[in-house]
Amino acid sequence: VQLVESGGGLVQPGGSLRLSCTASGFTFSSYPMKWYRQAPGKERELVATIGRGGGSTNYADSVKDRFTISRDNAKNTVYLQMNSLKPEETAVYYCNRLSNWGKGTLVTVSS
């Protein structure tokens, strides 16, 4: 199993980024997928979850109405569209499936 995140970088407060996670080694369409994040000095927290078909999504209260999780089962990829980013959302963002984790992609929100 391999999960590879991409799309992180430096963005100004109020800006947007789109993260991607490409999966391999399992039947992608059979599993819900999740995005987590871990800020410096803090515990890892769940950001968003998407069901197998993409029709069911859930978000942490702190990101509702700003972040959107989606998936393309034909491409074995899950996305996280992040809008109106805040400095406190600077973190490493991780893709997750069961006990499998990617290496993460760093998002830095700073002017």
Protein backbone atom coordinates (compact mmCIF):
# COMPACT_ATOMS: atom_id res chain seq x y z
CA VAL A 1 0.00 0.00 0.00
CA GLN A 2 1.28 3.43 -0.90
CA LEU A 3 -0.25 6.87 -0.36
CA VAL A 4 1.52 9.85 -1.91
CA GLU A 5 0.39 13.37 -1.07
CA SER A 6 1.19 16.45 -3.15
CA GLY A 7 0.10 20.03 -3.61
CA GLY A 8 1.36 21.62 -0.44
CA GLY A 9 3.30 24.85 -0.35
CA LEU A 10 3.34 28.43 0.85
CA VAL A 11 0.10 30.38 0.60
CA GLN A 12 -0.98 33.74 1.98
CA PRO A 13 -3.77 33.99 4.55
CA GLY A 14 -7.10 33.83 2.76
CA GLY A 15 -5.59 31.89 -0.11
CA SER A 16 -6.38 28.46 -1.51
CA LEU A 17 -4.59 25.21 -2.15
CA ARG A 18 -5.63 21.86 -3.56
CA LEU A 19 -3.99 18.78 -2.13
CA SER A 20 -3.92 15.43 -3.89
CA CYS A 21 -3.26 11.92 -2.62
CA THR A 22 -2.63 9.14 -5.09
CA ALA A 23 -3.09 5.61 -3.80
CA SER A 24 -1.79 2.25 -4.93
CA GLY A 25 -1.63 -1.32 -3.68
CA PHE A 26 -5.30 -1.76 -2.85
CA THR A 27 -8.74 -1.42 -4.40
CA PHE A 28 -9.14 2.31 -3.92
CA SER A 29 -12.86 2.46 -4.62
CA SER A 30 -13.59 -0.02 -1.81
CA TYR A 31 -12.44 2.21 1.03
CA PRO A 32 -13.34 5.49 2.65
CA MET A 33 -10.45 7.93 2.69
CA LYS A 34 -9.43 10.60 5.16
CA TRP A 35 -7.29 13.71 5.40
CA TYR A 36 -5.55 14.55 8.67
CA ARG A 37 -3.22 17.37 9.62
CA GLN A 38 -0.60 17.91 12.28
CA ALA A 39 0.51 21.39 13.25
CA PRO A 40 3.86 21.99 14.95
CA GLY A 41 3.67 20.91 18.57
CA LYS A 42 0.13 19.60 18.27
CA GLU A 43 -1.54 16.25 17.90
CA ARG A 44 -2.67 14.95 14.55
CA GLU A 45 -6.31 15.82 13.88
CA LEU A 46 -8.92 14.53 11.47
CA VAL A 47 -9.85 17.12 8.86
CA ALA A 48 -12.20 15.36 6.44
CA THR A 49 -13.58 11.96 5.45
CA ILE A 50 -15.11 10.74 2.21
CA GLY A 51 -17.06 7.57 1.56
CA ARG A 52 -16.21 4.96 -1.03
CA GLY A 53 -18.32 6.46 -3.78
CA GLY A 54 -17.69 10.06 -2.83
CA GLY A 55 -21.29 10.82 -1.96
CA SER A 56 -20.75 10.94 1.80
CA THR A 57 -18.42 13.49 3.36
CA ASN A 58 -17.69 14.74 6.86
CA TYR A 59 -15.59 17.63 8.09
CA ALA A 60 -14.07 18.94 11.27
CA ASP A 61 -16.10 21.90 12.50
CA SER A 62 -13.08 24.17 12.04
CA VAL A 63 -12.97 23.60 8.26
CA LYS A 64 -16.64 23.27 7.34
CA ASP A 65 -17.70 25.53 4.47
CA ARG A 66 -14.04 26.20 3.56
CA PHE A 67 -12.59 22.78 2.73
CA THR A 68 -13.95 20.23 0.27
CA ILE A 69 -12.89 16.60 0.07
CA SER A 70 -13.48 14.72 -3.17
CA ARG A 71 -12.22 11.64 -4.95
CA ASP A 72 -11.73 10.25 -8.43
CA ASN A 73 -11.88 6.48 -8.22
CA ALA A 74 -10.75 6.13 -11.83
CA LYS A 75 -7.51 7.90 -10.90
CA ASN A 76 -7.12 6.36 -7.42
CA THR A 77 -6.87 9.88 -6.06
CA VAL A 78 -8.45 11.81 -3.22
CA TYR A 79 -8.35 15.61 -3.08
CA LEU A 80 -8.66 18.31 -0.47
CA GLN A 81 -9.62 21.76 -1.73
CA MET A 82 -8.77 24.31 0.95
CA ASN A 83 -10.08 27.86 0.74
CA SER A 84 -9.78 30.88 3.02
CA LEU A 85 -6.73 29.40 4.69
CA LYS A 86 -5.64 30.71 8.08
CA PRO A 87 -2.12 30.93 9.55
CA GLU A 88 -3.07 28.46 12.28
CA GLU A 89 -3.74 25.88 9.59
CA THR A 90 -0.05 25.62 8.86
CA ALA A 91 0.58 21.90 9.20
CA VAL A 92 1.65 18.72 7.52
CA TYR A 93 -1.40 17.24 5.80
CA TYR A 94 -1.68 13.47 5.59
CA CYS A 95 -3.77 11.09 3.54
CA ASN A 96 -5.09 8.04 5.39
CA ARG A 97 -6.73 4.71 4.76
CA LEU A 98 -7.13 2.42 7.79
CA SER A 99 -3.62 2.07 9.27
CA ASN A 100 -1.90 3.35 6.14
CA TRP A 101 -0.42 6.83 6.01
CA GLY A 102 1.37 8.89 3.42
CA LYS A 103 4.47 10.93 4.24
CA GLY A 104 2.45 14.12 4.18
CA THR A 105 2.67 17.43 2.40
CA LEU A 106 3.52 20.67 4.17
CA VAL A 107 1.11 23.58 3.98
CA THR A 108 2.41 26.91 5.23
CA VAL A 109 -0.03 29.78 5.55
CA SER A 110 1.91 33.00 5.99
CA SER A 111 2.23 36.48 4.60
